[in-house]
Amino acid sequence: MKHNQEMAELVTLEMGKPLSESLGEVNYATSFLYHFAGQIRTGLTGEVLTPGLKHWRPINIRQPVGPVVTITPWNFPVAMVTRKAGAAVAAGCSVINAPSEDTPLVSLMLGKLAIEAGFPPGLFNVIPSTIENKRVIGKILCSHHDIAALSFTGSTAVGKLLGAQCSDTVKRVHLELGGNAPLIVFESANLDRAINGTMLAK
């Protein structure tokens, strides 16, 4: 909360959103951190599940999977990072964030703020890149045996490539693909409400 205005100004300078939208995104991003911090407080504990058969005793154990790579898009440079990294850190995993080449400064600021907040070195890492070396960095991270999981938001074509690159090391892969988000407004709709709702969602 302390740095929300400063972060919003950086989002606006770096990717062009109006300041009010940038501030909205930063506040939204902060809400993810509060949510995942709450998950830590209440405990990410295991539980005994109701068995399907009498002689079964299924147990759900929640534990860190290991280092997680997050590859985040330019259009929500704060919220996508806090949503992905917040969950991973809350679960006990270190994070390597590879932000869009168009918005690296926002991720670097998040890294600086994480250190100021007391994160130990190596818990939240940022690897900025250029469009020329993005594929090389992605391939190295996807094929590295110490990386346990990858989370990516972006195009379907790149998601398919990353998934294939992660397959040799059998990583957990979480993909949010094809963000065109089509919208249909029917003739019977209240146009003012449809516009307002669309503006909130987009």
N, C-alpha and C. Protein backbone atom coordinates (compact mmCIF):
# COMPACT_ATOMS: atom_id res chain seq x y z
N MET A 1 0.83 -1.20 0.00
CA MET A 1 0.00 0.00 0.00
C MET A 1 0.87 1.25 0.00
N LYS A 2 1.97 1.19 0.70
CA LYS A 2 2.84 2.36 0.84
C LYS A 2 3.38 2.85 -0.50
N HIS A 3 3.64 1.95 -1.41
CA HIS A 3 4.26 2.30 -2.69
C HIS A 3 3.29 2.22 -3.88
N ASN A 4 2.00 2.12 -3.61
CA ASN A 4 1.04 1.92 -4.70
C ASN A 4 1.05 3.06 -5.72
N GLN A 5 1.12 4.29 -5.25
CA GLN A 5 1.11 5.43 -6.18
C GLN A 5 2.36 5.42 -7.06
N GLU A 6 3.49 5.19 -6.43
CA GLU A 6 4.77 5.14 -7.17
C GLU A 6 4.75 4.00 -8.20
N MET A 7 4.23 2.84 -7.79
CA MET A 7 4.15 1.70 -8.72
C MET A 7 3.19 2.02 -9.87
N ALA A 8 2.07 2.65 -9.56
CA ALA A 8 1.09 3.00 -10.60
C ALA A 8 1.71 3.97 -11.61
N GLU A 9 2.46 4.93 -11.14
CA GLU A 9 3.11 5.87 -12.04
C GLU A 9 4.10 5.15 -12.96
N LEU A 10 4.81 4.17 -12.41
CA LEU A 10 5.75 3.40 -13.23
C LEU A 10 5.00 2.57 -14.28
N VAL A 11 3.89 1.97 -13.90
CA VAL A 11 3.08 1.21 -14.87
C VAL A 11 2.66 2.12 -16.02
N THR A 12 2.19 3.32 -15.68
CA THR A 12 1.75 4.27 -16.71
C THR A 12 2.90 4.68 -17.62
N LEU A 13 4.05 4.97 -17.03
CA LEU A 13 5.21 5.37 -17.83
C LEU A 13 5.69 4.23 -18.72
N GLU A 14 5.65 3.03 -18.20
CA GLU A 14 6.24 1.91 -18.92
C GLU A 14 5.31 1.32 -19.98
N MET A 15 4.01 1.22 -19.69
CA MET A 15 3.15 0.55 -20.66
C MET A 15 1.97 1.37 -21.15
N GLY A 16 1.77 2.57 -20.61
CA GLY A 16 0.84 3.50 -21.22
C GLY A 16 -0.58 3.54 -20.70
N LYS A 17 -0.91 2.77 -19.67
CA LYS A 17 -2.26 2.85 -19.11
C LYS A 17 -2.48 4.24 -18.52
N PRO A 18 -3.71 4.74 -18.55
CA PRO A 18 -4.00 5.96 -17.80
C PRO A 18 -3.70 5.72 -16.32
N LEU A 19 -3.29 6.73 -15.62
CA LEU A 19 -2.87 6.58 -14.22
C LEU A 19 -3.98 5.98 -13.36
N SER A 20 -5.22 6.35 -13.60
CA SER A 20 -6.31 5.80 -12.78
C SER A 20 -6.42 4.28 -12.98
N GLU A 21 -6.24 3.80 -14.20
CA GLU A 21 -6.27 2.36 -14.45
C GLU A 21 -5.05 1.68 -13.84
N SER A 22 -3.91 2.33 -13.93
CA SER A 22 -2.70 1.76 -13.32
C SER A 22 -2.87 1.61 -11.82
N LEU A 23 -3.43 2.64 -11.19
CA LEU A 23 -3.65 2.58 -9.74
C LEU A 23 -4.65 1.47 -9.41
N GLY A 24 -5.67 1.32 -10.25
CA GLY A 24 -6.62 0.22 -10.06
C GLY A 24 -5.95 -1.13 -10.15
N GLU A 25 -5.05 -1.29 -11.12
CA GLU A 25 -4.33 -2.55 -11.25
C GLU A 25 -3.44 -2.80 -10.04
N VAL A 26 -2.73 -1.78 -9.59
CA VAL A 26 -1.83 -1.94 -8.44
C VAL A 26 -2.63 -2.33 -7.19
N ASN A 27 -3.77 -1.69 -6.98
CA ASN A 27 -4.61 -2.06 -5.84
C ASN A 27 -5.10 -3.50 -5.96
N TYR A 28 -5.48 -3.88 -7.17
CA TYR A 28 -5.91 -5.26 -7.45
C TYR A 28 -4.75 -6.22 -7.17
N ALA A 29 -3.56 -5.87 -7.62
CA ALA A 29 -2.37 -6.70 -7.42
C ALA A 29 -2.07 -6.86 -5.94
N THR A 30 -2.23 -5.78 -5.20
CA THR A 30 -1.99 -5.83 -3.75
C THR A 30 -2.97 -6.78 -3.07
N SER A 31 -4.19 -6.84 -3.57
CA SER A 31 -5.19 -7.73 -2.96
C SER A 31 -4.77 -9.19 -3.07
N PHE A 32 -4.05 -9.57 -4.13
CA PHE A 32 -3.54 -10.93 -4.23
C PHE A 32 -2.54 -11.22 -3.11
N LEU A 33 -1.69 -10.25 -2.82
CA LEU A 33 -0.69 -10.45 -1.77
C LEU A 33 -1.36 -10.62 -0.41
N TYR A 34 -2.38 -9.81 -0.14
CA TYR A 34 -3.13 -9.97 1.11
C TYR A 34 -3.80 -11.33 1.17
N HIS A 35 -4.38 -11.75 0.07
CA HIS A 35 -5.06 -13.05 0.03
C HIS A 35 -4.08 -14.18 0.34
N PHE A 36 -2.94 -14.21 -0.34
CA PHE A 36 -2.01 -15.30 -0.14
C PHE A 36 -1.32 -15.23 1.22
N ALA A 37 -1.10 -14.02 1.73
CA ALA A 37 -0.58 -13.89 3.10
C ALA A 37 -1.57 -14.50 4.09
N GLY A 38 -2.86 -14.29 3.85
CA GLY A 38 -3.89 -14.89 4.69
C GLY A 38 -3.87 -16.40 4.62
N GLN A 39 -3.57 -16.94 3.45
CA GLN A 39 -3.47 -18.38 3.30
C GLN A 39 -2.33 -18.94 4.16
N ILE A 40 -1.25 -18.18 4.25
CA ILE A 40 -0.12 -18.62 5.09
C ILE A 40 -0.55 -18.63 6.55
N ARG A 41 -1.24 -17.56 6.98
CA ARG A 41 -1.67 -17.45 8.38
C ARG A 41 -2.63 -18.57 8.78
N THR A 42 -3.57 -18.89 7.89
CA THR A 42 -4.54 -19.93 8.24
C THR A 42 -3.96 -21.32 8.06
N GLY A 43 -2.84 -21.40 7.40
CA GLY A 43 -2.15 -22.68 7.28
C GLY A 43 -2.51 -23.44 6.03
N LEU A 44 -1.50 -23.76 5.25
CA LEU A 44 -1.68 -24.62 4.08
C LEU A 44 -1.46 -26.04 4.57
N THR A 45 -2.47 -26.60 5.21
CA THR A 45 -2.31 -27.89 5.85
C THR A 45 -2.91 -29.00 5.00
N GLY A 46 -2.48 -30.20 5.30
CA GLY A 46 -3.04 -31.36 4.63
C GLY A 46 -4.36 -31.76 5.28
N GLU A 47 -5.05 -32.69 4.65
CA GLU A 47 -6.31 -33.15 5.22
C GLU A 47 -6.55 -34.59 4.81
N VAL A 48 -7.26 -35.30 5.67
CA VAL A 48 -7.67 -36.66 5.35
C VAL A 48 -8.99 -36.57 4.60
N LEU A 49 -9.06 -37.18 3.45
CA LEU A 49 -10.24 -37.10 2.60
C LEU A 49 -11.18 -38.27 2.86
N THR A 50 -12.43 -38.10 2.52
CA THR A 50 -13.40 -39.18 2.63
C THR A 50 -13.07 -40.24 1.58
N PRO A 51 -12.84 -41.48 2.03
CA PRO A 51 -12.43 -42.51 1.06
C PRO A 51 -13.60 -43.00 0.21
N GLY A 52 -13.27 -43.44 -0.98
CA GLY A 52 -14.25 -44.05 -1.87
C GLY A 52 -14.53 -45.49 -1.47
N LEU A 53 -13.55 -46.14 -0.87
CA LEU A 53 -13.69 -47.52 -0.39
C LEU A 53 -13.24 -47.57 1.07
N LYS A 54 -13.80 -48.49 1.84
CA LYS A 54 -13.55 -48.55 3.29
C LYS A 54 -12.06 -48.74 3.63
N HIS A 55 -11.36 -49.52 2.85
CA HIS A 55 -9.97 -49.81 3.16
C HIS A 55 -8.98 -48.74 2.64
N TRP A 56 -9.48 -47.73 1.97
CA TRP A 56 -8.63 -46.64 1.49
C TRP A 56 -8.53 -45.57 2.57
N ARG A 57 -7.40 -44.87 2.59
CA ARG A 57 -7.25 -43.72 3.47
C ARG A 57 -6.48 -42.63 2.71
N PRO A 58 -7.18 -41.94 1.82
CA PRO A 58 -6.50 -40.89 1.03
C PRO A 58 -6.15 -39.69 1.89
N ILE A 59 -4.95 -39.15 1.66
CA ILE A 59 -4.49 -37.97 2.39
C ILE A 59 -4.03 -36.93 1.38
N ASN A 60 -4.48 -35.72 1.56
CA ASN A 60 -4.07 -34.60 0.71
C ASN A 60 -2.99 -33.84 1.46
N ILE A 61 -1.78 -33.81 0.93
CA ILE A 61 -0.68 -33.11 1.58
C ILE A 61 -0.28 -31.93 0.72
N ARG A 62 -0.28 -30.76 1.31
CA ARG A 62 0.15 -29.56 0.59
C ARG A 62 1.59 -29.26 0.98
N GLN A 63 2.44 -29.18 -0.03
CA GLN A 63 3.85 -28.91 0.22
C GLN A 63 4.44 -28.19 -0.99
N PRO A 64 5.55 -27.47 -0.77
CA PRO A 64 6.18 -26.76 -1.89
C PRO A 64 6.61 -27.74 -2.98
N VAL A 65 6.47 -27.31 -4.23
CA VAL A 65 6.91 -28.17 -5.33
C VAL A 65 8.36 -27.90 -5.70
N GLY A 66 8.86 -26.71 -5.35
CA GLY A 66 10.22 -26.31 -5.71
C GLY A 66 10.19 -24.99 -6.46
N PRO A 67 11.29 -24.58 -7.02
CA PRO A 67 11.36 -23.29 -7.72
C PRO A 67 10.36 -23.20 -8.87
N VAL A 68 9.73 -22.04 -8.98
CA VAL A 68 8.69 -21.81 -9.97
C VAL A 68 9.11 -20.66 -10.89
N VAL A 69 8.93 -20.84 -12.19
CA VAL A 69 9.15 -19.78 -13.16
C VAL A 69 7.81 -19.18 -13.52
N THR A 70 7.71 -17.85 -13.48
CA THR A 70 6.50 -17.15 -13.92
C THR A 70 6.88 -16.26 -15.10
N ILE A 71 6.20 -16.46 -16.21
CA ILE A 71 6.42 -15.62 -17.39
C ILE A 71 5.15 -14.80 -17.56
N THR A 72 5.30 -13.48 -17.40
CA THR A 72 4.14 -12.61 -17.28
C THR A 72 4.02 -11.63 -18.45
N PRO A 73 2.79 -11.23 -18.79
CA PRO A 73 2.54 -10.38 -19.96
C PRO A 73 2.70 -8.89 -19.66
N TRP A 74 2.68 -8.12 -20.71
CA TRP A 74 2.87 -6.67 -20.59
C TRP A 74 1.60 -5.95 -20.15
N ASN A 75 0.43 -6.51 -20.41
CA ASN A 75 -0.81 -5.74 -20.23
C ASN A 75 -1.27 -5.63 -18.78
N PHE A 76 -0.85 -6.54 -17.91
CA PHE A 76 -1.10 -6.43 -16.47
C PHE A 76 0.21 -6.74 -15.75
N PRO A 77 1.18 -5.83 -15.85
CA PRO A 77 2.53 -6.14 -15.40
C PRO A 77 2.69 -6.29 -13.89
N VAL A 78 1.75 -5.80 -13.09
CA VAL A 78 1.83 -5.97 -11.63
C VAL A 78 0.94 -7.13 -11.20
N ALA A 79 -0.32 -7.11 -11.61
CA ALA A 79 -1.29 -8.10 -11.12
C ALA A 79 -0.91 -9.53 -11.51
N MET A 80 -0.40 -9.73 -12.71
CA MET A 80 -0.03 -11.09 -13.11
C MET A 80 1.15 -11.61 -12.29
N VAL A 81 2.05 -10.71 -11.94
CA VAL A 81 3.21 -11.13 -11.14
C VAL A 81 2.77 -11.47 -9.71
N THR A 82 1.98 -10.60 -9.09
CA THR A 82 1.58 -10.87 -7.70
C THR A 82 0.66 -12.07 -7.60
N ARG A 83 -0.18 -12.28 -8.60
CA ARG A 83 -1.08 -13.44 -8.59
C ARG A 83 -0.29 -14.74 -8.67
N LYS A 84 0.70 -14.77 -9.56
CA LYS A 84 1.47 -15.99 -9.74
C LYS A 84 2.52 -16.17 -8.63
N ALA A 85 3.30 -15.13 -8.40
CA ALA A 85 4.38 -15.23 -7.41
C ALA A 85 3.83 -15.31 -5.99
N GLY A 86 2.74 -14.59 -5.71
CA GLY A 86 2.16 -14.63 -4.37
C GLY A 86 1.75 -16.03 -3.97
N ALA A 87 1.11 -16.74 -4.89
CA ALA A 87 0.68 -18.12 -4.62
C ALA A 87 1.89 -19.03 -4.40
N ALA A 88 2.89 -18.89 -5.25
CA ALA A 88 4.08 -19.75 -5.14
C ALA A 88 4.83 -19.51 -3.83
N VAL A 89 5.05 -18.26 -3.49
CA VAL A 89 5.77 -17.94 -2.25
C VAL A 89 4.97 -18.40 -1.03
N ALA A 90 3.66 -18.20 -1.06
CA ALA A 90 2.81 -18.65 0.06
C ALA A 90 2.91 -20.16 0.25
N ALA A 91 3.11 -20.88 -0.84
CA ALA A 91 3.24 -22.34 -0.76
C ALA A 91 4.66 -22.78 -0.39
N GLY A 92 5.57 -21.83 -0.29
CA GLY A 92 6.94 -22.14 0.11
C GLY A 92 7.92 -22.30 -1.03
N CYS A 93 7.56 -21.82 -2.21
CA CYS A 93 8.42 -21.96 -3.39
C CYS A 93 9.13 -20.65 -3.70
N SER A 94 10.35 -20.75 -4.17
CA SER A 94 11.03 -19.57 -4.70
C SER A 94 10.51 -19.31 -6.11
N VAL A 95 10.69 -18.07 -6.56
CA VAL A 95 10.12 -17.65 -7.85
C VAL A 95 11.18 -16.98 -8.70
N ILE A 96 11.17 -17.32 -9.99
CA ILE A 96 11.93 -16.59 -11.00
C ILE A 96 10.91 -15.98 -11.94
N ASN A 97 10.80 -14.66 -11.94
CA ASN A 97 9.85 -13.98 -12.82
C ASN A 97 10.57 -13.51 -14.07
N ALA A 98 10.05 -13.90 -15.23
CA ALA A 98 10.55 -13.42 -16.52
C ALA A 98 9.45 -12.53 -17.10
N PRO A 99 9.53 -11.22 -16.84
CA PRO A 99 8.47 -10.33 -17.31
C PRO A 99 8.58 -10.09 -18.81
N SER A 100 7.51 -9.54 -19.35
CA SER A 100 7.54 -9.13 -20.75
C SER A 100 8.71 -8.18 -20.97
N GLU A 101 9.29 -8.29 -22.14
CA GLU A 101 10.39 -7.37 -22.49
C GLU A 101 9.90 -5.92 -22.55
N ASP A 102 8.59 -5.73 -22.63
CA ASP A 102 8.03 -4.38 -22.69
C ASP A 102 7.81 -3.76 -21.32
N THR A 103 7.79 -4.57 -20.26
CA THR A 103 7.51 -4.03 -18.93
C THR A 103 8.43 -4.61 -17.84
N PRO A 104 9.73 -4.56 -18.04
CA PRO A 104 10.62 -5.15 -17.02
C PRO A 104 10.75 -4.31 -15.76
N LEU A 105 10.59 -3.00 -15.87
CA LEU A 105 10.84 -2.12 -14.72
C LEU A 105 9.87 -2.37 -13.58
N VAL A 106 8.63 -2.69 -13.92
CA VAL A 106 7.63 -2.97 -12.88
C VAL A 106 8.05 -4.20 -12.08
N SER A 107 8.47 -5.27 -12.75
CA SER A 107 8.92 -6.47 -12.04
C SER A 107 10.17 -6.21 -11.22
N LEU A 108 11.07 -5.42 -11.77
CA LEU A 108 12.28 -5.08 -11.01
C LEU A 108 11.93 -4.28 -9.76
N MET A 109 10.95 -3.40 -9.86
CA MET A 109 10.51 -2.66 -8.67
C MET A 109 9.88 -3.61 -7.65
N LEU A 110 9.09 -4.58 -8.12
CA LEU A 110 8.53 -5.58 -7.20
C LEU A 110 9.64 -6.35 -6.50
N GLY A 111 10.70 -6.68 -7.23
CA GLY A 111 11.84 -7.36 -6.62
C GLY A 111 12.50 -6.52 -5.55
N LYS A 112 12.66 -5.24 -5.83
CA LYS A 112 13.24 -4.31 -4.85
C LYS A 112 12.35 -4.21 -3.61
N LEU A 113 11.06 -4.10 -3.82
CA LEU A 113 10.12 -4.01 -2.69
C LEU A 113 10.09 -5.30 -1.88
N ALA A 114 10.24 -6.45 -2.55
CA ALA A 114 10.28 -7.72 -1.83
C ALA A 114 11.48 -7.76 -0.87
N ILE A 115 12.63 -7.29 -1.34
CA ILE A 115 13.82 -7.26 -0.48
C ILE A 115 13.60 -6.30 0.68
N GLU A 116 13.04 -5.12 0.39
CA GLU A 116 12.76 -4.14 1.45
C GLU A 116 11.76 -4.70 2.47
N ALA A 117 10.85 -5.56 2.02
CA ALA A 117 9.84 -6.15 2.92
C ALA A 117 10.41 -7.29 3.75
N GLY A 118 11.65 -7.71 3.46
CA GLY A 118 12.28 -8.75 4.25
C GLY A 118 12.37 -10.12 3.60
N PHE A 119 12.02 -10.21 2.30
CA PHE A 119 12.19 -11.49 1.61
C PHE A 119 13.67 -11.85 1.61
N PRO A 120 14.01 -13.10 1.89
CA PRO A 120 15.42 -13.49 1.82
C PRO A 120 15.90 -13.47 0.37
N PRO A 121 17.18 -13.20 0.16
CA PRO A 121 17.72 -13.22 -1.20
C PRO A 121 17.44 -14.57 -1.86
N GLY A 122 17.00 -14.51 -3.12
CA GLY A 122 16.73 -15.73 -3.87
C GLY A 122 15.29 -16.20 -3.80
N LEU A 123 14.46 -15.59 -2.95
CA LEU A 123 13.06 -16.02 -2.88
C LEU A 123 12.25 -15.50 -4.06
N PHE A 124 12.46 -14.22 -4.42
CA PHE A 124 11.78 -13.64 -5.59
C PHE A 124 12.84 -13.03 -6.49
N ASN A 125 12.99 -13.57 -7.68
CA ASN A 125 14.03 -13.17 -8.62
C ASN A 125 13.40 -12.68 -9.91
N VAL A 126 14.06 -11.74 -10.56
CA VAL A 126 13.56 -11.19 -11.82
C VAL A 126 14.64 -11.31 -12.88
N ILE A 127 14.28 -11.87 -14.03
CA ILE A 127 15.19 -11.96 -15.17
C ILE A 127 14.60 -11.15 -16.31
N PRO A 128 14.99 -9.89 -16.45
CA PRO A 128 14.51 -9.12 -17.60
C PRO A 128 15.20 -9.61 -18.88
N SER A 129 14.57 -9.35 -20.00
CA SER A 129 15.15 -9.79 -21.27
C SER A 129 14.76 -8.84 -22.38
N THR A 130 15.35 -9.08 -23.52
CA THR A 130 14.96 -8.36 -24.73
C THR A 130 14.19 -9.35 -25.60
N ILE A 131 13.54 -8.86 -26.61
CA ILE A 131 12.81 -9.75 -27.51
C ILE A 131 13.77 -10.73 -28.19
N GLU A 132 15.02 -10.29 -28.38
CA GLU A 132 16.00 -11.15 -29.06
C GLU A 132 16.42 -12.34 -28.19
N ASN A 133 16.54 -12.15 -26.87
CA ASN A 133 17.02 -13.27 -26.05
C ASN A 133 15.92 -13.94 -25.22
N LYS A 134 14.67 -13.52 -25.41
CA LYS A 134 13.55 -14.09 -24.64
C LYS A 134 13.42 -15.60 -24.87
N ARG A 135 13.53 -16.03 -26.13
CA ARG A 135 13.39 -17.46 -26.43
C ARG A 135 14.51 -18.28 -25.80
N VAL A 136 15.72 -17.74 -25.80
CA VAL A 136 16.85 -18.46 -25.22
C VAL A 136 16.65 -18.62 -23.72
N ILE A 137 16.27 -17.53 -23.05
CA ILE A 137 16.03 -17.58 -21.61
C ILE A 137 14.88 -18.54 -21.29
N GLY A 138 13.80 -18.46 -22.06
CA GLY A 138 12.67 -19.36 -21.85
C GLY A 138 13.07 -20.81 -21.98
N LYS A 139 13.86 -21.12 -22.99
CA LYS A 139 14.28 -22.52 -23.20
C LYS A 139 15.17 -23.01 -22.06
N ILE A 140 16.07 -22.16 -21.60
CA ILE A 140 16.95 -22.53 -20.48
C ILE A 140 16.12 -22.81 -19.23
N LEU A 141 15.17 -21.93 -18.92
CA LEU A 141 14.34 -22.11 -17.73
C LEU A 141 13.44 -23.34 -17.85
N CYS A 142 12.90 -23.57 -19.03
CA CYS A 142 12.01 -24.72 -19.23
C CYS A 142 12.75 -26.05 -19.15
N SER A 143 13.99 -26.07 -19.57
CA SER A 143 14.73 -27.33 -19.61
C SER A 143 15.58 -27.56 -18.36
N HIS A 144 15.66 -26.58 -17.48
CA HIS A 144 16.51 -26.72 -16.29
C HIS A 144 15.89 -27.72 -15.31
N HIS A 145 16.71 -28.65 -14.85
CA HIS A 145 16.21 -29.73 -13.97
C HIS A 145 15.82 -29.24 -12.58
N ASP A 146 16.32 -28.10 -12.13
CA ASP A 146 15.98 -27.61 -10.79
C ASP A 146 14.67 -26.83 -10.75
N ILE A 147 14.14 -26.45 -11.89
CA ILE A 147 12.86 -25.74 -11.94
C ILE A 147 11.74 -26.77 -11.87
N ALA A 148 10.81 -26.58 -10.94
CA ALA A 148 9.75 -27.56 -10.73
C ALA A 148 8.46 -27.24 -11.48
N ALA A 149 8.20 -25.95 -11.71
CA ALA A 149 6.92 -25.57 -12.31
C ALA A 149 7.08 -24.30 -13.13
N LEU A 150 6.18 -24.15 -14.09
CA LEU A 150 6.15 -22.95 -14.93
C LEU A 150 4.71 -22.45 -15.01
N SER A 151 4.55 -21.15 -14.85
CA SER A 151 3.25 -20.51 -15.03
C SER A 151 3.41 -19.42 -16.09
N PHE A 152 2.56 -19.48 -17.12
CA PHE A 152 2.68 -18.55 -18.25
C PHE A 152 1.32 -17.99 -18.61
N THR A 153 1.27 -16.70 -18.86
CA THR A 153 0.09 -16.06 -19.43
C THR A 153 0.50 -15.41 -20.74
N GLY A 154 -0.18 -15.76 -21.82
CA GLY A 154 0.16 -15.19 -23.12
C GLY A 154 -0.50 -15.95 -24.25
N SER A 155 0.16 -15.94 -25.38
CA SER A 155 -0.44 -16.51 -26.59
C SER A 155 -0.44 -18.03 -26.56
N THR A 156 -1.36 -18.61 -27.29
CA THR A 156 -1.46 -20.06 -27.39
C THR A 156 -0.21 -20.65 -28.04
N ALA A 157 0.30 -19.98 -29.07
CA ALA A 157 1.49 -20.50 -29.77
C ALA A 157 2.68 -20.59 -28.83
N VAL A 158 2.91 -19.55 -28.05
CA VAL A 158 4.05 -19.56 -27.12
C VAL A 158 3.79 -20.56 -25.99
N GLY A 159 2.56 -20.65 -25.51
CA GLY A 159 2.22 -21.62 -24.48
C GLY A 159 2.49 -23.05 -24.91
N LYS A 160 2.15 -23.37 -26.16
CA LYS A 160 2.42 -24.71 -26.68
C LYS A 160 3.93 -24.98 -26.73
N LEU A 161 4.69 -23.98 -27.15
CA LEU A 161 6.14 -24.12 -27.21
C LEU A 161 6.72 -24.35 -25.81
N LEU A 162 6.30 -23.53 -24.83
CA LEU A 162 6.80 -23.68 -23.47
C LEU A 162 6.41 -25.03 -22.87
N GLY A 163 5.18 -25.45 -23.11
CA GLY A 163 4.74 -26.76 -22.62
C GLY A 163 5.59 -27.88 -23.17
N ALA A 164 5.90 -27.80 -24.46
CA ALA A 164 6.74 -28.83 -25.08
C ALA A 164 8.15 -28.80 -24.49
N GLN A 165 8.69 -27.59 -24.26
CA GLN A 165 10.03 -27.48 -23.70
C GLN A 165 10.10 -27.98 -22.25
N CYS A 166 9.00 -27.91 -21.53
CA CYS A 166 8.97 -28.39 -20.15
C CYS A 166 8.76 -29.90 -20.05
N SER A 167 8.37 -30.53 -21.14
CA SER A 167 7.99 -31.94 -21.08
C SER A 167 9.16 -32.87 -20.78
N ASP A 168 10.36 -32.55 -21.24
CA ASP A 168 11.51 -33.44 -20.99
C ASP A 168 11.83 -33.56 -19.51
N THR A 169 11.56 -32.51 -18.75
CA THR A 169 11.84 -32.53 -17.31
C THR A 169 10.56 -32.71 -16.49
N VAL A 170 9.45 -32.95 -17.16
CA VAL A 170 8.15 -33.22 -16.55
C VAL A 170 7.81 -32.20 -15.46
N LYS A 171 7.82 -30.94 -15.87
CA LYS A 171 7.45 -29.87 -14.95
C LYS A 171 5.94 -29.76 -14.84
N ARG A 172 5.49 -29.19 -13.75
CA ARG A 172 4.09 -28.77 -13.65
C ARG A 172 3.96 -27.51 -14.49
N VAL A 173 2.99 -27.47 -15.36
CA VAL A 173 2.83 -26.34 -16.27
C VAL A 173 1.42 -25.77 -16.12
N HIS A 174 1.34 -24.47 -15.87
CA HIS A 174 0.07 -23.77 -15.72
C HIS A 174 0.00 -22.70 -16.80
N LEU A 175 -0.97 -22.81 -17.70
CA LEU A 175 -1.04 -21.91 -18.84
C LEU A 175 -2.38 -21.16 -18.85
N GLU A 176 -2.30 -19.86 -19.09
CA GLU A 176 -3.48 -19.03 -19.34
C GLU A 176 -3.26 -18.44 -20.73
N LEU A 177 -3.97 -18.98 -21.70
CA LEU A 177 -3.63 -18.70 -23.10
C LEU A 177 -4.73 -17.98 -23.87
N GLY A 178 -4.31 -17.29 -24.92
CA GLY A 178 -5.24 -16.73 -25.89
C GLY A 178 -6.10 -15.61 -25.36
N GLY A 179 -5.50 -14.61 -24.79
CA GLY A 179 -6.23 -13.55 -24.11
C GLY A 179 -6.97 -12.56 -24.99
N ASN A 180 -7.67 -13.01 -26.01
CA ASN A 180 -8.44 -12.08 -26.83
C ASN A 180 -9.77 -11.71 -26.19
N ALA A 181 -10.28 -12.56 -25.30
CA ALA A 181 -11.49 -12.32 -24.53
C ALA A 181 -12.62 -11.70 -25.35
N PRO A 182 -13.21 -12.46 -26.26
CA PRO A 182 -14.30 -11.90 -27.07
C PRO A 182 -15.50 -11.55 -26.21
N LEU A 183 -16.28 -10.65 -26.71
CA LEU A 183 -17.45 -10.17 -25.99
C LEU A 183 -18.61 -10.04 -26.96
N ILE A 184 -19.75 -10.56 -26.57
CA ILE A 184 -20.95 -10.44 -27.40
C ILE A 184 -21.99 -9.65 -26.63
N VAL A 185 -22.51 -8.60 -27.24
CA VAL A 185 -23.58 -7.82 -26.64
C VAL A 185 -24.82 -8.01 -27.53
N PHE A 186 -25.85 -8.61 -26.94
CA PHE A 186 -27.06 -8.89 -27.71
C PHE A 186 -27.90 -7.63 -27.89
N GLU A 187 -28.71 -7.65 -28.89
CA GLU A 187 -29.56 -6.52 -29.22
C GLU A 187 -30.48 -6.13 -28.06
N SER A 188 -30.88 -7.12 -27.26
CA SER A 188 -31.79 -6.87 -26.14
C SER A 188 -31.09 -6.30 -24.90
N ALA A 189 -29.76 -6.21 -24.94
CA ALA A 189 -29.00 -5.75 -23.77
C ALA A 189 -29.17 -4.26 -23.52
N ASN A 190 -29.00 -3.90 -22.26
CA ASN A 190 -28.93 -2.50 -21.88
C ASN A 190 -27.52 -2.03 -22.27
N LEU A 191 -27.41 -1.19 -23.27
CA LEU A 191 -26.11 -0.82 -23.83
C LEU A 191 -25.23 -0.11 -22.81
N ASP A 192 -25.80 0.79 -22.01
CA ASP A 192 -25.00 1.51 -21.00
C ASP A 192 -24.40 0.53 -19.99
N ARG A 193 -25.19 -0.43 -19.53
CA ARG A 193 -24.68 -1.43 -18.58
C ARG A 193 -23.63 -2.31 -19.24
N ALA A 194 -23.84 -2.68 -20.49
CA ALA A 194 -22.88 -3.50 -21.20
C ALA A 194 -21.54 -2.78 -21.36
N ILE A 195 -21.59 -1.51 -21.67
CA ILE A 195 -20.34 -0.72 -21.81
C ILE A 195 -19.63 -0.62 -20.48
N ASN A 196 -20.37 -0.29 -19.42
CA ASN A 196 -19.76 -0.18 -18.09
C ASN A 196 -19.16 -1.49 -17.64
N GLY A 197 -19.89 -2.59 -17.85
CA GLY A 197 -19.37 -3.89 -17.47
C GLY A 197 -18.15 -4.29 -18.26
N THR A 198 -18.14 -3.97 -19.53
CA THR A 198 -16.99 -4.27 -20.38
C THR A 198 -15.76 -3.47 -19.94
N MET A 199 -15.97 -2.21 -19.63
CA MET A 199 -14.85 -1.37 -19.20
C MET A 199 -14.25 -1.87 -17.89
N LEU A 200 -15.08 -2.38 -16.99
CA LEU A 200 -14.58 -2.93 -15.74
C LEU A 200 -13.80 -4.22 -15.98
N ALA A 201 -14.30 -5.05 -16.88
CA ALA A 201 -13.67 -6.36 -17.12
C ALA A 201 -12.42 -6.27 -17.98
N LYS A 202 -12.34 -5.28 -18.83
CA LYS A 202 -11.21 -5.19 -19.75
C LYS A 202 -10.20 -4.20 -19.24
